[in-house]
Amino acid sequence: MDGIEIPCQFLCPISLQLMRDPVTLSTGITYDRDSIEQWLFSCKNNVCPVTKQVLLELDLTPNHTLRRLIQAWCTLNASHGIERIPTPKTPIDKSRIVKLIKDAKMLPEMQVKCLKSLRSISLEGERNRSSLEAAGAIEFLVTIIKSCDSSFEIESNEGSEVMKASDEALSILYQIKVSESRLKSIVSNDHEFVESLLKILKNGSFQSRAYATMLLKEVFQVADPIHLISLTPEFFSEIVRTLRDQISQQASKAALKLLVELCPWGRNRIKAVEGGAVFVMVELLLESSDKRASELALVVLDQLCGCAEGRAEFLNHGAGLAMVSKKIFRVSQAASERAVRILSSISRFSATPRVVQEMLQVGVVAKLCLVLQVDNSYKSKERAREILKLHARVWRNHACIPSHLLPCYPSS
C-alpha cells in the first residue's frame, strides 16, 4: 500500500490499519473486529476506546455498508497491489460449540474430529475464543488432557487416539488464552491438572511439551504461593529438559519465564540447581543470540547464584565466569546489571584463590574496570567498585588489566 492514501474512514481507530471486518459499538464508533475484541475481551476493558464512554452492552454490530465500500475501494486500487479483503465469516454460534463438546463426550471415535473443529473455531478471532470459554470448553479440554495420563503406557491404537486428542486439547487451551480468574480456579480446585501437564512434559511429543510449558507459565503466574512452594524436583528437571532440548523459541522463553517466576519461592532455587538449571543457563548464553532469552537466562542465573549450591555449580562450568562477563554491554543495560550482580555474588561468597585468579585471567576484572568507566547504572558502578576493592590486593596493577583501564581501578 506504499504511496496509496487510505481514506481515514476505512482505518481502525485502534490499529490504524485498513479494517477487514468493521463492527460498530453502541457508541456509534466502528472498529476492526480483531482489534476491538482484543480491547474488550482480552484486555478486559469496558469503555469505548475513542469516546471513553462506559459500555453497558458489548454487542458488536457488523457494519456491512462500510465493509462493502472498503472492498470496492480495494478492487479499484488492485493495480497498486492492494488485495480485496474477503467477506468475513459470521461469529460462531454458542449452540454449535455445545453440540461439538457433547458429540466428543458421547462418541469417543469422533473426539479428535470434534477437537479439530474446536481448534479451527479458536483460531477465528477473540469473539470465538470467548464463546468457547462461555460454552464450557475449558472444563472439557482439561478433562481430555487429564485423560492422557494412562495412555503413555498403552501401546495401541486406543492410546494413540487419546494422545492425539490430548495434543489437540493442549493447543486449543493455549489458543483460548484462558482468563486469570478461570486459570486460578482450575489450579486451586484441580491438582491433577498440573500433574498431567508434568507427565506430558516427561513423555509427550515436542509439540505437546511446548504447549504444556507455555500453559504452565500462564498457570503459575496466577497460582497461590502454596502451589509455588510445593513443586517437586522432578518438575524443575523437566522444565530444564525443555530448555536443553530447544523444542522451540517460544517454549524456551516460556520455560525461562517460568523459572524466573518460581525460583524465588521456598527451596525452588535448590531444586532448579539440582535439576541442572545452572549448566543449561550458561550453555544458553553461549549459544543464543536472542536478546530477550539472554536477559532471562541472566535473571535465572542471578537467582540461582543467590544460594551456595547455585554458585558451586556455576563455578564448575568452565565458561561460566567468562560468558557472564562477556554479556556486559553486549545485550542490554538490564542484562549488564544482572551480570554484575552475578559477579558480585561470586566475589563476595565464593571467591577462593582459584576463582579470584580465574576472574583475572578470563577478563572479568578488566570488564569491571570498564563498567566504572562506561556504564550509566549507578548500582552497577557501585557493585563493580565493591568487587574491585574486595580483591584489590591480588588484582591492582596486575599485567592482565589493560594499561588504559588501570587508572579506573578504585583506591582502597
Protein backbone atom coordinates (compact mmCIF):
# COMPACT_ATOMS: atom_id res chain seq x y z
CA MET A 1 0.00 0.00 0.00
CA ASP A 2 3.04 2.26 -0.23
CA GLY A 3 2.14 5.56 -1.90
CA ILE A 4 -1.63 4.94 -1.69
CA GLU A 5 -3.57 7.10 0.74
CA ILE A 6 -6.22 5.07 2.53
CA PRO A 7 -9.41 7.01 3.34
CA CYS A 8 -9.40 7.73 7.08
CA GLN A 9 -12.94 6.27 7.42
CA PHE A 10 -11.50 2.88 6.39
CA LEU A 11 -8.88 2.82 9.15
CA CYS A 12 -9.46 1.17 12.53
CA PRO A 13 -9.08 3.77 15.36
CA ILE A 14 -7.12 1.20 17.40
CA SER A 15 -4.72 -0.40 14.92
CA LEU A 16 -4.74 2.44 12.35
CA GLN A 17 -4.81 -0.30 9.71
CA LEU A 18 -7.32 -0.95 6.93
CA MET A 19 -10.37 -2.62 8.51
CA ARG A 20 -11.09 -6.17 7.33
CA ASP A 21 -14.21 -6.82 9.40
CA PRO A 22 -15.69 -3.47 10.56
CA VAL A 23 -18.06 -3.66 13.53
CA THR A 24 -19.83 -0.87 15.39
CA LEU A 25 -20.18 -0.41 19.15
CA SER A 26 -23.28 1.01 20.88
CA THR A 27 -21.42 4.36 20.93
CA GLY A 28 -21.59 4.51 17.13
CA ILE A 29 -17.82 4.15 16.62
CA THR A 30 -16.65 1.50 14.14
CA TYR A 31 -13.56 -0.66 14.69
CA ASP A 32 -11.93 -3.69 13.09
CA ARG A 33 -13.36 -6.77 14.82
CA ASP A 34 -10.00 -8.29 15.88
CA SER A 35 -8.80 -5.03 17.44
CA ILE A 36 -11.96 -4.22 19.40
CA GLU A 37 -12.43 -7.82 20.54
CA GLN A 38 -8.89 -7.83 21.91
CA TRP A 39 -9.59 -4.49 23.65
CA LEU A 40 -12.84 -5.73 25.18
CA PHE A 41 -12.27 -9.43 25.84
CA SER A 42 -8.51 -9.93 26.22
CA CYS A 43 -7.67 -6.63 27.90
CA LYS A 44 -10.95 -6.66 29.88
CA ASN A 45 -11.86 -3.04 29.08
CA ASN A 46 -15.48 -1.86 29.31
CA VAL A 47 -15.19 1.57 27.68
CA CYS A 48 -15.22 2.73 24.08
CA PRO A 49 -11.57 3.48 23.12
CA VAL A 50 -12.50 6.67 21.26
CA THR A 51 -15.33 8.22 23.32
CA LYS A 52 -14.28 6.69 26.71
CA GLN A 53 -17.98 6.02 27.38
CA VAL A 54 -18.75 3.04 29.62
CA LEU A 55 -20.29 0.24 27.53
CA LEU A 56 -23.42 -1.19 29.10
CA GLU A 57 -23.59 -3.74 26.27
CA LEU A 58 -20.67 -5.39 24.47
CA ASP A 59 -22.61 -6.22 21.30
CA LEU A 60 -20.65 -5.75 18.07
CA THR A 61 -22.82 -4.94 15.07
CA PRO A 62 -21.28 -5.77 11.66
CA ASN A 63 -21.02 -2.64 9.51
CA HIS A 64 -21.81 -4.27 6.16
CA THR A 65 -22.08 -0.96 4.29
CA LEU A 66 -18.62 0.18 5.29
CA ARG A 67 -17.16 -3.26 4.61
CA ARG A 68 -18.60 -3.22 1.05
CA LEU A 69 -17.18 0.28 0.49
CA ILE A 70 -13.75 -0.94 1.63
CA GLN A 71 -13.97 -3.96 -0.67
CA ALA A 72 -14.95 -1.70 -3.60
CA TRP A 73 -12.03 0.62 -2.84
CA CYS A 74 -9.65 -2.37 -2.75
CA THR A 75 -10.93 -3.55 -6.15
CA LEU A 76 -10.49 -0.07 -7.67
CA ASN A 77 -6.89 0.04 -6.42
CA ALA A 78 -5.94 -3.53 -7.34
CA SER A 79 -3.46 -2.20 -9.90
CA HIS A 80 -1.47 -0.73 -6.99
CA GLY A 81 -1.06 -4.15 -5.38
CA ILE A 82 -3.99 -3.84 -2.94
CA GLU A 83 -5.82 -7.13 -2.38
CA ARG A 84 -9.56 -7.20 -1.90
CA ILE A 85 -10.46 -8.07 1.69
CA PRO A 86 -12.55 -11.27 1.93
CA THR A 87 -16.08 -11.24 3.29
CA PRO A 88 -15.67 -12.21 6.99
CA LYS A 89 -17.23 -15.29 8.47
CA THR A 90 -20.15 -14.94 10.87
CA PRO A 91 -19.05 -15.39 14.53
CA ILE A 92 -19.66 -18.90 15.80
CA ASP A 93 -22.96 -19.73 17.46
CA LYS A 94 -22.60 -20.98 21.04
CA SER A 95 -25.01 -23.85 20.41
CA ARG A 96 -22.65 -25.27 17.77
CA ILE A 97 -19.80 -25.36 20.31
CA VAL A 98 -22.03 -27.06 22.88
CA LYS A 99 -23.01 -29.70 20.28
CA LEU A 100 -19.37 -30.38 19.36
CA ILE A 101 -18.46 -30.88 23.03
CA LYS A 102 -21.46 -33.16 23.56
CA ASP A 103 -20.59 -35.26 20.49
CA ALA A 104 -16.98 -35.58 21.63
CA LYS A 105 -18.11 -36.81 25.05
CA MET A 106 -20.67 -39.30 23.75
CA LEU A 107 -18.77 -40.62 20.71
CA PRO A 108 -15.12 -41.41 21.54
CA GLU A 109 -14.38 -42.21 17.90
CA MET A 110 -15.45 -38.65 16.99
CA GLN A 111 -13.41 -36.97 19.71
CA VAL A 112 -10.36 -35.98 17.65
CA LYS A 113 -12.53 -34.72 14.78
CA CYS A 114 -14.62 -32.60 17.17
CA LEU A 115 -11.48 -31.21 18.81
CA LYS A 116 -10.06 -30.22 15.41
CA SER A 117 -13.30 -28.33 14.74
CA LEU A 118 -12.97 -26.58 18.09
CA ARG A 119 -9.36 -25.65 17.24
CA SER A 120 -10.48 -24.11 13.94
CA ILE A 121 -13.08 -22.09 15.86
CA SER A 122 -10.45 -20.88 18.35
CA LEU A 123 -8.28 -19.55 15.52
CA GLU A 124 -11.04 -17.37 14.07
CA GLY A 125 -10.89 -14.43 16.45
CA GLU A 126 -11.22 -13.24 20.03
CA ARG A 127 -15.03 -13.44 19.98
CA ASN A 128 -14.92 -17.15 19.14
CA ARG A 129 -12.38 -17.81 21.88
CA SER A 130 -14.65 -16.06 24.38
CA SER A 131 -17.58 -18.15 23.12
CA LEU A 132 -15.57 -21.34 23.68
CA GLU A 133 -14.89 -20.34 27.28
CA ALA A 134 -18.55 -19.41 27.84
CA ALA A 135 -19.74 -22.73 26.39
CA GLY A 136 -17.76 -24.79 28.90
CA ALA A 137 -14.97 -25.80 26.53
CA ILE A 138 -12.23 -25.17 29.09
CA GLU A 139 -13.51 -27.74 31.59
CA PHE A 140 -13.92 -30.24 28.74
CA LEU A 141 -10.38 -29.63 27.46
CA VAL A 142 -8.90 -30.01 30.96
CA THR A 143 -10.67 -33.38 31.25
CA ILE A 144 -9.20 -34.51 27.92
CA ILE A 145 -5.68 -33.50 28.99
CA LYS A 146 -6.02 -35.36 32.30
CA SER A 147 -7.22 -38.48 30.49
CA CYS A 148 -3.89 -38.82 28.67
CA ASP A 149 -2.06 -39.90 31.86
CA SER A 150 -2.61 -43.61 31.34
CA SER A 151 -2.14 -43.50 27.56
CA PHE A 152 1.65 -43.12 27.88
CA GLU A 153 1.80 -46.77 28.98
CA ILE A 154 -0.65 -48.00 26.33
CA GLU A 155 0.95 -49.02 23.02
CA SER A 156 -2.23 -49.42 20.95
CA ASN A 157 -4.50 -47.53 18.59
CA GLU A 158 -6.60 -46.53 21.60
CA GLY A 159 -3.60 -44.99 23.35
CA SER A 160 -2.59 -43.22 20.15
CA GLU A 161 -6.06 -41.69 19.75
CA VAL A 162 -6.03 -40.48 23.36
CA MET A 163 -2.66 -38.81 22.75
CA LYS A 164 -3.95 -37.13 19.57
CA ALA A 165 -6.95 -35.83 21.49
CA SER A 166 -4.69 -34.56 24.27
CA ASP A 167 -2.43 -32.76 21.77
CA GLU A 168 -5.44 -31.05 20.20
CA ALA A 169 -6.83 -30.09 23.63
CA LEU A 170 -3.48 -28.59 24.67
CA SER A 171 -3.25 -26.43 21.55
CA ILE A 172 -6.85 -25.21 21.92
CA LEU A 173 -6.44 -24.41 25.61
CA TYR A 174 -3.35 -22.36 24.81
CA GLN A 175 -5.07 -20.57 21.89
CA ILE A 176 -8.09 -19.61 24.01
CA LYS A 177 -5.91 -17.55 26.39
CA VAL A 178 -7.93 -18.52 29.46
CA SER A 179 -8.77 -15.65 31.81
CA GLU A 180 -6.70 -15.31 35.01
CA SER A 181 -9.69 -15.99 37.27
CA ARG A 182 -10.56 -19.21 35.41
CA LEU A 183 -6.93 -20.38 35.42
CA LYS A 184 -6.66 -19.74 39.14
CA SER A 185 -9.86 -21.68 39.72
CA ILE A 186 -8.52 -24.66 37.74
CA VAL A 187 -5.25 -24.77 39.69
CA SER A 188 -6.93 -24.31 43.07
CA ASN A 189 -9.65 -26.92 42.54
CA ASP A 190 -7.90 -29.48 40.35
CA HIS A 191 -4.42 -30.51 41.46
CA GLU A 192 -4.38 -33.31 38.87
CA PHE A 193 -4.21 -30.81 36.00
CA VAL A 194 -0.67 -29.63 36.81
CA GLU A 195 0.37 -33.26 37.37
CA SER A 196 -1.00 -34.12 33.92
CA LEU A 197 0.98 -31.29 32.32
CA LEU A 198 4.11 -32.58 34.09
CA LYS A 199 3.54 -36.07 32.65
CA ILE A 200 3.18 -34.54 29.19
CA LEU A 201 6.48 -32.69 29.73
CA LYS A 202 8.05 -36.02 30.62
CA ASN A 203 6.55 -38.28 27.95
CA GLY A 204 4.85 -36.17 25.28
CA SER A 205 5.87 -35.17 21.78
CA PHE A 206 7.90 -32.00 21.20
CA GLN A 207 4.74 -30.11 20.19
CA SER A 208 2.71 -31.20 23.22
CA ARG A 209 5.66 -30.44 25.54
CA ALA A 210 5.88 -26.95 24.06
CA TYR A 211 2.17 -26.28 24.67
CA ALA A 212 2.40 -27.78 28.18
CA THR A 213 5.34 -25.48 29.03
CA MET A 214 3.50 -22.38 27.79
CA LEU A 215 0.37 -23.34 29.71
CA LEU A 216 2.36 -23.94 32.90
CA LYS A 217 3.88 -20.47 32.56
CA GLU A 218 0.39 -18.94 32.48
CA VAL A 219 -0.85 -21.18 35.31
CA PHE A 220 1.93 -20.26 37.75
CA GLN A 221 1.63 -16.56 37.04
CA VAL A 222 -1.74 -16.67 38.85
CA ALA A 223 -1.21 -19.59 41.26
CA ASP A 224 -1.26 -19.16 45.05
CA PRO A 225 2.06 -19.31 46.96
CA ILE A 226 1.21 -22.74 48.40
CA HIS A 227 1.31 -24.16 44.86
CA LEU A 228 4.56 -22.37 44.06
CA ILE A 229 6.49 -23.77 47.04
CA SER A 230 5.20 -27.35 46.79
CA LEU A 231 6.63 -28.19 43.36
CA THR A 232 8.76 -31.34 43.12
CA PRO A 233 12.40 -31.58 41.98
CA GLU A 234 11.12 -33.62 39.02
CA PHE A 235 9.10 -30.62 37.86
CA PHE A 236 12.23 -28.45 37.63
CA SER A 237 14.16 -31.25 35.90
CA GLU A 238 11.51 -31.39 33.16
CA ILE A 239 11.44 -27.61 32.69
CA VAL A 240 15.24 -27.64 32.36
CA ARG A 241 15.00 -30.53 29.86
CA THR A 242 12.62 -28.41 27.76
CA LEU A 243 15.35 -25.77 27.57
CA ARG A 244 18.07 -28.32 26.89
CA ASP A 245 16.10 -29.91 24.04
CA GLN A 246 15.45 -26.50 22.41
CA ILE A 247 11.93 -27.54 21.41
CA SER A 248 11.05 -24.09 20.10
CA GLN A 249 11.99 -20.48 20.78
CA GLN A 250 8.53 -19.80 22.23
CA ALA A 251 8.70 -22.81 24.56
CA SER A 252 12.23 -21.89 25.69
CA LYS A 253 11.19 -18.36 26.61
CA ALA A 254 8.14 -19.72 28.46
CA ALA A 255 10.41 -22.12 30.39
CA LEU A 256 12.79 -19.27 31.28
CA LYS A 257 9.92 -17.05 32.45
CA LEU A 258 8.59 -19.98 34.48
CA LEU A 259 11.95 -20.36 36.26
CA VAL A 260 12.08 -16.60 36.89
CA GLU A 261 8.61 -16.82 38.46
CA LEU A 262 9.28 -19.92 40.58
CA CYS A 263 12.90 -19.68 41.78
CA PRO A 264 12.34 -17.02 44.50
CA TRP A 265 9.86 -19.28 46.34
CA GLY A 266 10.82 -21.68 49.13
CA ARG A 267 13.54 -24.18 48.19
CA ASN A 268 12.87 -23.84 44.47
CA ARG A 269 16.34 -22.42 43.76
CA ILE A 270 17.97 -25.56 45.11
CA LYS A 271 15.51 -27.78 43.22
CA ALA A 272 16.32 -25.92 40.00
CA VAL A 273 20.07 -26.25 40.64
CA GLU A 274 19.68 -30.00 41.27
CA GLY A 275 17.70 -30.20 38.01
CA GLY A 276 20.69 -28.87 36.06
CA ALA A 277 19.43 -25.31 35.52
CA VAL A 278 22.77 -23.56 36.09
CA PHE A 279 24.62 -25.54 33.42
CA VAL A 280 21.79 -25.04 30.90
CA MET A 281 21.69 -21.26 31.58
CA VAL A 282 25.40 -20.91 30.83
CA GLU A 283 25.05 -23.04 27.69
CA LEU A 284 22.15 -20.86 26.58
CA LEU A 285 24.31 -17.74 27.00
CA LEU A 286 26.98 -19.44 24.91
CA GLU A 287 24.66 -20.41 22.06
CA SER A 288 21.81 -17.88 21.95
CA SER A 289 21.94 -14.60 20.08
CA ASP A 290 18.40 -13.71 21.16
CA LYS A 291 18.39 -10.61 23.37
CA ARG A 292 15.35 -11.50 25.49
CA ALA A 293 16.48 -15.10 26.04
CA SER A 294 19.89 -13.85 27.23
CA GLU A 295 18.25 -11.37 29.61
CA LEU A 296 16.02 -14.07 31.09
CA ALA A 297 18.90 -16.55 31.43
CA LEU A 298 20.90 -13.93 33.36
CA VAL A 299 17.94 -13.26 35.66
CA VAL A 300 17.67 -17.00 36.42
CA LEU A 301 21.43 -17.28 36.98
CA ASP A 302 21.31 -14.29 39.32
CA GLN A 303 18.59 -16.01 41.35
CA LEU A 304 20.41 -19.35 41.43
CA CYS A 305 23.72 -17.77 42.43
CA GLY A 306 21.89 -16.46 45.49
CA CYS A 307 22.42 -19.89 47.09
CA ALA A 308 25.69 -21.75 47.74
CA GLU A 309 24.64 -24.73 45.61
CA GLY A 310 23.98 -22.49 42.64
CA ARG A 311 27.33 -20.70 42.93
CA ALA A 312 29.17 -24.02 43.18
CA GLU A 313 27.50 -25.32 40.00
CA PHE A 314 28.18 -22.04 38.22
CA LEU A 315 31.89 -22.21 39.04
CA ASN A 316 32.02 -25.86 37.94
CA HIS A 317 31.16 -24.75 34.40
CA GLY A 318 34.38 -23.81 32.66
CA ALA A 319 32.78 -20.96 30.71
CA GLY A 320 30.54 -19.54 33.46
CA LEU A 321 32.56 -16.51 34.56
CA ALA A 322 33.77 -15.72 31.05
CA MET A 323 30.29 -15.83 29.49
CA VAL A 324 28.60 -13.71 32.16
CA SER A 325 31.38 -11.14 31.89
CA LYS A 326 31.13 -11.17 28.09
CA LYS A 327 27.41 -10.30 28.19
CA ILE A 328 28.12 -6.96 29.92
CA PHE A 329 27.50 -4.16 27.36
CA ARG A 330 26.58 -6.71 24.66
CA VAL A 331 22.89 -7.36 25.35
CA SER A 332 21.14 -4.54 27.19
CA GLN A 333 21.55 -2.40 30.30
CA ALA A 334 19.24 -4.74 32.22
CA ALA A 335 21.39 -7.71 31.21
CA SER A 336 24.57 -5.86 32.20
CA GLU A 337 23.14 -5.10 35.65
CA ARG A 338 22.24 -8.77 36.16
CA ALA A 339 25.69 -9.90 35.03
CA VAL A 340 27.38 -7.56 37.52
CA ARG A 341 25.06 -8.86 40.27
CA ILE A 342 26.12 -12.43 39.49
CA LEU A 343 29.81 -11.49 39.60
CA SER A 344 29.18 -9.70 42.89
CA SER A 345 27.63 -12.84 44.44
CA ILE A 346 30.61 -14.92 43.33
CA SER A 347 33.24 -12.45 44.52
CA ARG A 348 31.60 -11.95 47.92
CA PHE A 349 30.69 -15.52 48.85
CA SER A 350 32.66 -17.96 46.68
CA ALA A 351 35.96 -16.20 45.92
CA THR A 352 38.55 -18.92 46.53
CA PRO A 353 42.11 -18.15 45.38
CA ARG A 354 41.44 -20.20 42.23
CA VAL A 355 38.27 -18.22 41.46
CA VAL A 356 39.99 -14.87 42.07
CA GLN A 357 42.74 -15.84 39.62
CA GLU A 358 40.23 -17.08 37.04
CA MET A 359 38.30 -13.79 37.20
CA LEU A 360 41.55 -12.03 36.39
CA GLN A 361 42.56 -14.36 33.56
CA VAL A 362 39.20 -14.51 31.69
CA GLY A 363 38.78 -10.74 31.65
CA VAL A 364 36.23 -10.25 34.43
CA VAL A 365 38.41 -7.70 36.25
CA ALA A 366 39.08 -5.69 33.10
CA LYS A 367 35.34 -5.67 32.31
CA LEU A 368 34.53 -4.41 35.83
CA CYS A 369 37.02 -1.58 35.36
CA LEU A 370 35.24 -0.77 32.11
CA VAL A 371 31.91 -0.69 33.97
CA LEU A 372 33.29 2.09 36.16
CA GLN A 373 34.39 3.99 33.09
CA VAL A 374 31.37 3.50 30.80
CA ASP A 375 28.24 2.16 32.46
CA ASN A 376 25.44 4.62 33.27
CA SER A 377 23.87 2.49 36.01
CA TYR A 378 24.76 3.80 39.46
CA LYS A 379 24.05 0.45 41.13
CA SER A 380 26.24 -1.47 38.67
CA LYS A 381 29.09 1.00 39.18
CA GLU A 382 28.84 0.67 42.96
CA ARG A 383 28.82 -3.14 42.77
CA ALA A 384 31.77 -3.15 40.37
CA ARG A 385 33.68 -0.79 42.69
CA GLU A 386 32.97 -3.02 45.71
CA ILE A 387 34.17 -6.15 43.87
CA LEU A 388 37.38 -4.48 42.74
CA LYS A 389 38.11 -3.11 46.22
CA LEU A 390 37.42 -6.52 47.79
CA HIS A 391 40.22 -8.19 45.84
CA ALA A 392 42.49 -5.18 45.23
CA ARG A 393 45.48 -6.87 46.89
CA VAL A 394 45.56 -9.50 44.14
CA TRP A 395 44.20 -7.57 41.17
CA ARG A 396 45.50 -3.99 41.33
CA ASN A 397 48.37 -3.28 38.90
CA HIS A 398 48.25 -6.82 37.52
CA ALA A 399 49.53 -7.32 33.98
CA CYS A 400 46.18 -8.89 32.92
CA ILE A 401 44.48 -5.50 33.24
CA PRO A 402 44.98 -3.33 30.13
CA SER A 403 47.07 -0.25 30.93
CA HIS A 404 44.37 2.19 29.77
CA LEU A 405 41.98 0.73 32.38
CA LEU A 406 44.40 0.84 35.34
CA PRO A 407 43.54 4.49 36.21
CA CYS A 408 39.90 3.31 36.66
CA TYR A 409 40.85 0.87 39.41
CA PRO A 410 39.40 2.28 42.66
CA SER A 411 41.65 3.15 45.55
CA SER A 412 41.11 1.33 48.84
